[in-house]
Amino acid sequence: MTQMKKPPSAPATGQSRQHHSESGDTNAPTNPLPPNRLFLKNDEAARFLNLSPRTLEKQRVIGGGPRFRKFGRRVLYALSDLEVWANSRTFETTSDPDYGSTLSRNVDNA
């Protein structure tokens, strides 16, 4: 009769499992985007901006998102356009004059 291995036990109450970033694993990629790419697919662009892919899809319809390109049915984002868009959305405080108008200005143009 073969012995079955016992599954690892769950951490005790009050303890949590370590995430890869906490475990000191330096071999884990910090940016899973393909190297040397000029254009990114929707999912890759969303990952680059730390947004949901659905957010970029909505912004293509209502406006306010980064510039994109259409090649047939494929939507691609230039890495340089993503960086420009992200850098244009920097503020010092929520009381900056352009803070609230950035979103409303882009929605009004849609």
N, C-alpha and C. Protein backbone atom coordinates (compact mmCIF):
# COMPACT_ATOMS: atom_id res chain seq x y z
N MET A 1 0.84 -1.17 0.00
CA MET A 1 0.00 0.00 0.00
C MET A 1 0.90 1.24 0.00
N THR A 2 0.60 2.21 -0.87
CA THR A 2 1.40 3.43 -0.93
C THR A 2 0.87 4.47 0.03
N GLN A 3 1.78 5.24 0.59
CA GLN A 3 1.38 6.29 1.50
C GLN A 3 1.10 7.57 0.72
N MET A 4 0.08 8.28 1.11
CA MET A 4 -0.23 9.56 0.48
C MET A 4 0.39 10.65 1.33
N LYS A 5 0.91 11.67 0.65
CA LYS A 5 1.50 12.79 1.36
C LYS A 5 0.39 13.65 1.95
N LYS A 6 0.64 14.11 3.14
CA LYS A 6 -0.31 14.99 3.82
C LYS A 6 -0.18 16.39 3.26
N PRO A 7 -1.29 17.05 2.87
CA PRO A 7 -1.19 18.42 2.34
C PRO A 7 -0.70 19.36 3.42
N PRO A 8 -0.02 20.46 3.01
CA PRO A 8 0.46 21.41 4.01
C PRO A 8 -0.71 22.00 4.78
N SER A 9 -0.50 22.19 6.07
CA SER A 9 -1.58 22.72 6.90
C SER A 9 -1.71 24.21 6.69
N ALA A 10 -2.90 24.71 6.92
CA ALA A 10 -3.18 26.14 6.80
C ALA A 10 -2.50 26.86 7.95
N PRO A 11 -2.13 28.12 7.77
CA PRO A 11 -1.51 28.86 8.86
C PRO A 11 -2.47 29.01 10.04
N ALA A 12 -1.90 29.07 11.23
CA ALA A 12 -2.71 29.24 12.43
C ALA A 12 -3.38 30.62 12.40
N THR A 13 -4.42 30.78 13.18
CA THR A 13 -5.14 32.05 13.24
C THR A 13 -4.18 33.18 13.58
N GLY A 14 -4.31 34.29 12.86
CA GLY A 14 -3.43 35.43 13.10
C GLY A 14 -2.16 35.40 12.27
N GLN A 15 -1.91 34.30 11.59
CA GLN A 15 -0.75 34.21 10.72
C GLN A 15 -1.21 34.25 9.29
N SER A 16 -0.36 34.72 8.41
CA SER A 16 -0.72 34.75 7.00
C SER A 16 0.39 34.10 6.19
N ARG A 17 0.02 33.62 5.04
CA ARG A 17 1.03 33.05 4.14
C ARG A 17 1.83 34.18 3.52
N GLN A 18 3.08 33.90 3.25
CA GLN A 18 3.93 34.91 2.62
C GLN A 18 3.63 34.97 1.14
N HIS A 19 3.65 36.19 0.61
CA HIS A 19 3.54 36.38 -0.83
C HIS A 19 4.93 36.26 -1.42
N HIS A 20 5.02 36.07 -2.73
CA HIS A 20 6.32 35.94 -3.37
C HIS A 20 7.21 37.14 -3.10
N SER A 21 6.63 38.35 -3.08
CA SER A 21 7.43 39.54 -2.87
C SER A 21 7.98 39.59 -1.45
N GLU A 22 7.26 38.99 -0.50
CA GLU A 22 7.71 39.00 0.89
C GLU A 22 8.70 37.88 1.18
N SER A 23 8.70 36.85 0.35
CA SER A 23 9.52 35.69 0.63
C SER A 23 10.98 35.90 0.24
N GLY A 24 11.29 37.03 -0.37
CA GLY A 24 12.67 37.29 -0.76
C GLY A 24 13.03 36.65 -2.09
N ASP A 25 12.05 36.19 -2.84
CA ASP A 25 12.29 35.57 -4.13
C ASP A 25 12.64 36.66 -5.14
N THR A 26 13.92 36.83 -5.40
CA THR A 26 14.36 37.89 -6.31
C THR A 26 14.31 37.46 -7.76
N ASN A 27 14.00 36.20 -8.03
CA ASN A 27 13.93 35.72 -9.41
C ASN A 27 12.57 35.98 -10.03
N ALA A 28 11.57 36.34 -9.23
CA ALA A 28 10.25 36.63 -9.76
C ALA A 28 10.30 37.92 -10.56
N PRO A 29 9.73 37.93 -11.79
CA PRO A 29 9.77 39.14 -12.60
C PRO A 29 8.92 40.24 -11.97
N THR A 30 9.45 41.45 -11.96
CA THR A 30 8.70 42.57 -11.40
C THR A 30 7.77 43.17 -12.44
N ASN A 31 8.10 43.05 -13.72
CA ASN A 31 7.28 43.58 -14.79
C ASN A 31 7.13 42.48 -15.83
N PRO A 32 5.99 41.78 -15.88
CA PRO A 32 5.84 40.65 -16.78
C PRO A 32 5.59 41.03 -18.24
N LEU A 33 5.84 42.28 -18.63
CA LEU A 33 5.63 42.68 -20.02
C LEU A 33 6.77 42.17 -20.89
N PRO A 34 6.46 41.83 -22.13
CA PRO A 34 7.52 41.38 -23.03
C PRO A 34 8.54 42.50 -23.26
N PRO A 35 9.82 42.17 -23.32
CA PRO A 35 10.85 43.20 -23.50
C PRO A 35 10.86 43.73 -24.94
N ASN A 36 11.34 44.95 -25.08
CA ASN A 36 11.55 45.57 -26.40
C ASN A 36 10.31 45.62 -27.27
N ARG A 37 9.16 45.92 -26.70
CA ARG A 37 7.93 46.02 -27.47
C ARG A 37 7.53 47.48 -27.58
N LEU A 38 7.17 47.91 -28.79
CA LEU A 38 6.69 49.27 -29.00
C LEU A 38 5.19 49.39 -28.74
N PHE A 39 4.46 48.31 -29.03
CA PHE A 39 3.00 48.33 -28.88
C PHE A 39 2.58 47.22 -27.93
N LEU A 40 1.55 47.53 -27.13
CA LEU A 40 1.03 46.57 -26.16
C LEU A 40 -0.44 46.31 -26.44
N LYS A 41 -0.86 45.07 -26.22
CA LYS A 41 -2.28 44.71 -26.31
C LYS A 41 -3.01 45.33 -25.11
N ASN A 42 -4.33 45.29 -25.15
CA ASN A 42 -5.15 45.89 -24.10
C ASN A 42 -4.77 45.36 -22.72
N ASP A 43 -4.68 44.04 -22.56
CA ASP A 43 -4.35 43.45 -21.26
C ASP A 43 -2.96 43.87 -20.78
N GLU A 44 -2.00 43.93 -21.71
CA GLU A 44 -0.64 44.33 -21.36
C GLU A 44 -0.59 45.80 -20.97
N ALA A 45 -1.32 46.64 -21.71
CA ALA A 45 -1.36 48.07 -21.40
C ALA A 45 -2.00 48.29 -20.03
N ALA A 46 -3.07 47.56 -19.74
CA ALA A 46 -3.72 47.67 -18.45
C ALA A 46 -2.77 47.26 -17.33
N ARG A 47 -2.03 46.20 -17.54
CA ARG A 47 -1.06 45.74 -16.53
C ARG A 47 0.03 46.78 -16.33
N PHE A 48 0.49 47.40 -17.44
CA PHE A 48 1.52 48.44 -17.36
C PHE A 48 1.03 49.63 -16.52
N LEU A 49 -0.24 50.01 -16.69
CA LEU A 49 -0.81 51.16 -15.98
C LEU A 49 -1.42 50.78 -14.63
N ASN A 50 -1.41 49.49 -14.33
CA ASN A 50 -2.02 48.99 -13.10
C ASN A 50 -3.52 49.32 -13.06
N LEU A 51 -4.17 49.12 -14.19
CA LEU A 51 -5.61 49.33 -14.33
C LEU A 51 -6.27 48.04 -14.77
N SER A 52 -7.56 47.99 -14.68
CA SER A 52 -8.32 46.87 -15.20
C SER A 52 -8.38 46.98 -16.72
N PRO A 53 -8.29 45.86 -17.45
CA PRO A 53 -8.46 45.93 -18.91
C PRO A 53 -9.81 46.54 -19.29
N ARG A 54 -10.83 46.29 -18.47
CA ARG A 54 -12.16 46.85 -18.74
C ARG A 54 -12.15 48.37 -18.64
N THR A 55 -11.33 48.93 -17.76
CA THR A 55 -11.23 50.38 -17.63
C THR A 55 -10.74 50.98 -18.95
N LEU A 56 -9.72 50.38 -19.54
CA LEU A 56 -9.22 50.89 -20.82
C LEU A 56 -10.28 50.76 -21.92
N GLU A 57 -11.03 49.66 -21.90
CA GLU A 57 -12.10 49.48 -22.89
C GLU A 57 -13.14 50.58 -22.75
N LYS A 58 -13.53 50.89 -21.54
CA LYS A 58 -14.52 51.96 -21.31
C LYS A 58 -13.97 53.31 -21.75
N GLN A 59 -12.70 53.56 -21.44
CA GLN A 59 -12.11 54.85 -21.81
C GLN A 59 -11.99 55.01 -23.32
N ARG A 60 -11.89 53.92 -24.05
CA ARG A 60 -11.87 54.04 -25.52
C ARG A 60 -13.23 54.51 -26.03
N VAL A 61 -14.30 54.18 -25.33
CA VAL A 61 -15.65 54.56 -25.75
C VAL A 61 -15.99 55.97 -25.28
N ILE A 62 -15.78 56.25 -23.99
CA ILE A 62 -16.22 57.54 -23.45
C ILE A 62 -15.14 58.61 -23.51
N GLY A 63 -13.91 58.22 -23.77
CA GLY A 63 -12.80 59.17 -23.80
C GLY A 63 -12.11 59.25 -22.46
N GLY A 64 -10.99 59.94 -22.46
CA GLY A 64 -10.26 60.13 -21.22
C GLY A 64 -9.09 59.19 -21.04
N GLY A 65 -8.97 58.20 -21.88
CA GLY A 65 -7.89 57.24 -21.75
C GLY A 65 -6.71 57.59 -22.65
N PRO A 66 -5.71 56.73 -22.64
CA PRO A 66 -4.55 56.96 -23.50
C PRO A 66 -4.90 56.76 -24.98
N ARG A 67 -4.09 57.37 -25.84
CA ARG A 67 -4.28 57.20 -27.28
C ARG A 67 -4.07 55.73 -27.63
N PHE A 68 -4.80 55.25 -28.62
CA PHE A 68 -4.68 53.85 -29.04
C PHE A 68 -4.68 53.78 -30.55
N ARG A 69 -4.32 52.64 -31.07
CA ARG A 69 -4.27 52.41 -32.51
C ARG A 69 -5.10 51.18 -32.84
N LYS A 70 -5.72 51.20 -34.02
CA LYS A 70 -6.48 50.06 -34.49
C LYS A 70 -5.77 49.49 -35.72
N PHE A 71 -5.47 48.22 -35.65
CA PHE A 71 -4.91 47.49 -36.79
C PHE A 71 -5.90 46.38 -37.10
N GLY A 72 -6.82 46.67 -38.04
CA GLY A 72 -7.90 45.73 -38.28
C GLY A 72 -8.82 45.74 -37.06
N ARG A 73 -9.02 44.57 -36.45
CA ARG A 73 -9.84 44.48 -35.24
C ARG A 73 -9.01 44.59 -33.98
N ARG A 74 -7.71 44.61 -34.12
CA ARG A 74 -6.81 44.63 -32.97
C ARG A 74 -6.57 46.05 -32.47
N VAL A 75 -6.68 46.23 -31.17
CA VAL A 75 -6.40 47.51 -30.52
C VAL A 75 -5.03 47.40 -29.87
N LEU A 76 -4.17 48.36 -30.17
CA LEU A 76 -2.83 48.38 -29.59
C LEU A 76 -2.53 49.77 -29.03
N TYR A 77 -1.73 49.77 -27.99
CA TYR A 77 -1.29 51.01 -27.35
C TYR A 77 0.22 51.13 -27.51
N ALA A 78 0.67 52.30 -27.94
CA ALA A 78 2.11 52.55 -27.99
C ALA A 78 2.59 52.79 -26.56
N LEU A 79 3.69 52.17 -26.22
CA LEU A 79 4.24 52.33 -24.88
C LEU A 79 4.52 53.80 -24.58
N SER A 80 4.99 54.52 -25.58
CA SER A 80 5.27 55.96 -25.37
C SER A 80 3.99 56.74 -25.08
N ASP A 81 2.87 56.38 -25.73
CA ASP A 81 1.59 57.05 -25.45
C ASP A 81 1.09 56.75 -24.04
N LEU A 82 1.31 55.53 -23.57
CA LEU A 82 0.90 55.18 -22.21
C LEU A 82 1.69 55.99 -21.19
N GLU A 83 2.98 56.16 -21.44
CA GLU A 83 3.82 56.94 -20.53
C GLU A 83 3.41 58.41 -20.53
N VAL A 84 3.13 58.97 -21.72
CA VAL A 84 2.70 60.37 -21.82
C VAL A 84 1.38 60.56 -21.08
N TRP A 85 0.42 59.66 -21.29
CA TRP A 85 -0.88 59.75 -20.64
C TRP A 85 -0.73 59.67 -19.12
N ALA A 86 0.05 58.72 -18.66
CA ALA A 86 0.23 58.56 -17.21
C ALA A 86 0.93 59.78 -16.61
N ASN A 87 1.92 60.31 -17.31
CA ASN A 87 2.65 61.48 -16.79
C ASN A 87 1.80 62.75 -16.81
N SER A 88 0.79 62.79 -17.67
CA SER A 88 -0.08 63.98 -17.73
C SER A 88 -1.11 63.99 -16.60
N ARG A 89 -1.17 62.92 -15.84
CA ARG A 89 -2.16 62.79 -14.77
C ARG A 89 -1.50 62.87 -13.40
N THR A 90 -0.53 63.75 -13.25
CA THR A 90 0.14 63.92 -11.96
C THR A 90 -0.36 65.19 -11.28
N PHE A 91 -0.54 65.11 -9.98
CA PHE A 91 -1.05 66.23 -9.20
C PHE A 91 -0.30 66.29 -7.89
N GLU A 92 -0.22 67.48 -7.35
CA GLU A 92 0.39 67.67 -6.03
C GLU A 92 -0.62 67.38 -4.92
N THR A 93 -1.83 67.91 -5.07
CA THR A 93 -2.89 67.72 -4.07
C THR A 93 -4.23 67.63 -4.79
N THR A 94 -5.25 67.21 -4.07
CA THR A 94 -6.59 67.16 -4.66
C THR A 94 -7.18 68.54 -4.88
N SER A 95 -6.54 69.56 -4.32
CA SER A 95 -7.03 70.92 -4.53
C SER A 95 -6.36 71.60 -5.73
N ASP A 96 -5.51 70.87 -6.47
CA ASP A 96 -4.94 71.43 -7.69
C ASP A 96 -6.07 71.81 -8.64
N PRO A 97 -5.95 72.93 -9.35
CA PRO A 97 -7.03 73.40 -10.22
C PRO A 97 -7.44 72.37 -11.29
N ASP A 98 -6.51 71.62 -11.83
CA ASP A 98 -6.83 70.67 -12.89
C ASP A 98 -7.24 69.30 -12.37
N TYR A 99 -7.19 69.07 -11.07
CA TYR A 99 -7.46 67.74 -10.52
C TYR A 99 -8.83 67.21 -10.90
N GLY A 100 -9.88 67.94 -10.62
CA GLY A 100 -11.22 67.49 -10.91
C GLY A 100 -11.63 67.66 -12.36
N SER A 101 -11.00 68.59 -13.06
CA SER A 101 -11.40 68.87 -14.43
C SER A 101 -10.83 67.88 -15.44
N THR A 102 -9.84 67.11 -15.08
CA THR A 102 -9.23 66.19 -16.04
C THR A 102 -10.23 65.17 -16.52
N LEU A 103 -10.95 64.52 -15.61
CA LEU A 103 -11.94 63.51 -15.98
C LEU A 103 -13.13 64.15 -16.69
N SER A 104 -13.68 65.21 -16.14
CA SER A 104 -14.87 65.80 -16.73
C SER A 104 -14.59 66.39 -18.11
N ARG A 105 -13.41 66.94 -18.32
CA ARG A 105 -13.04 67.50 -19.63
C ARG A 105 -12.99 66.39 -20.67
N ASN A 106 -12.46 65.22 -20.31
CA ASN A 106 -12.36 64.14 -21.26
C ASN A 106 -13.71 63.51 -21.54
N VAL A 107 -14.61 63.46 -20.58
CA VAL A 107 -15.94 62.91 -20.78
C VAL A 107 -16.76 63.86 -21.64
N ASP A 108 -16.61 65.17 -21.43
CA ASP A 108 -17.35 66.16 -22.22
C ASP A 108 -16.97 66.11 -23.69
N ASN A 109 -15.72 65.73 -23.99
CA ASN A 109 -15.26 65.66 -25.37
C ASN A 109 -15.74 64.41 -26.10
N ALA A 110 -16.29 63.45 -25.39
CA ALA A 110 -16.70 62.19 -25.99
C ALA A 110 -17.96 62.34 -26.81
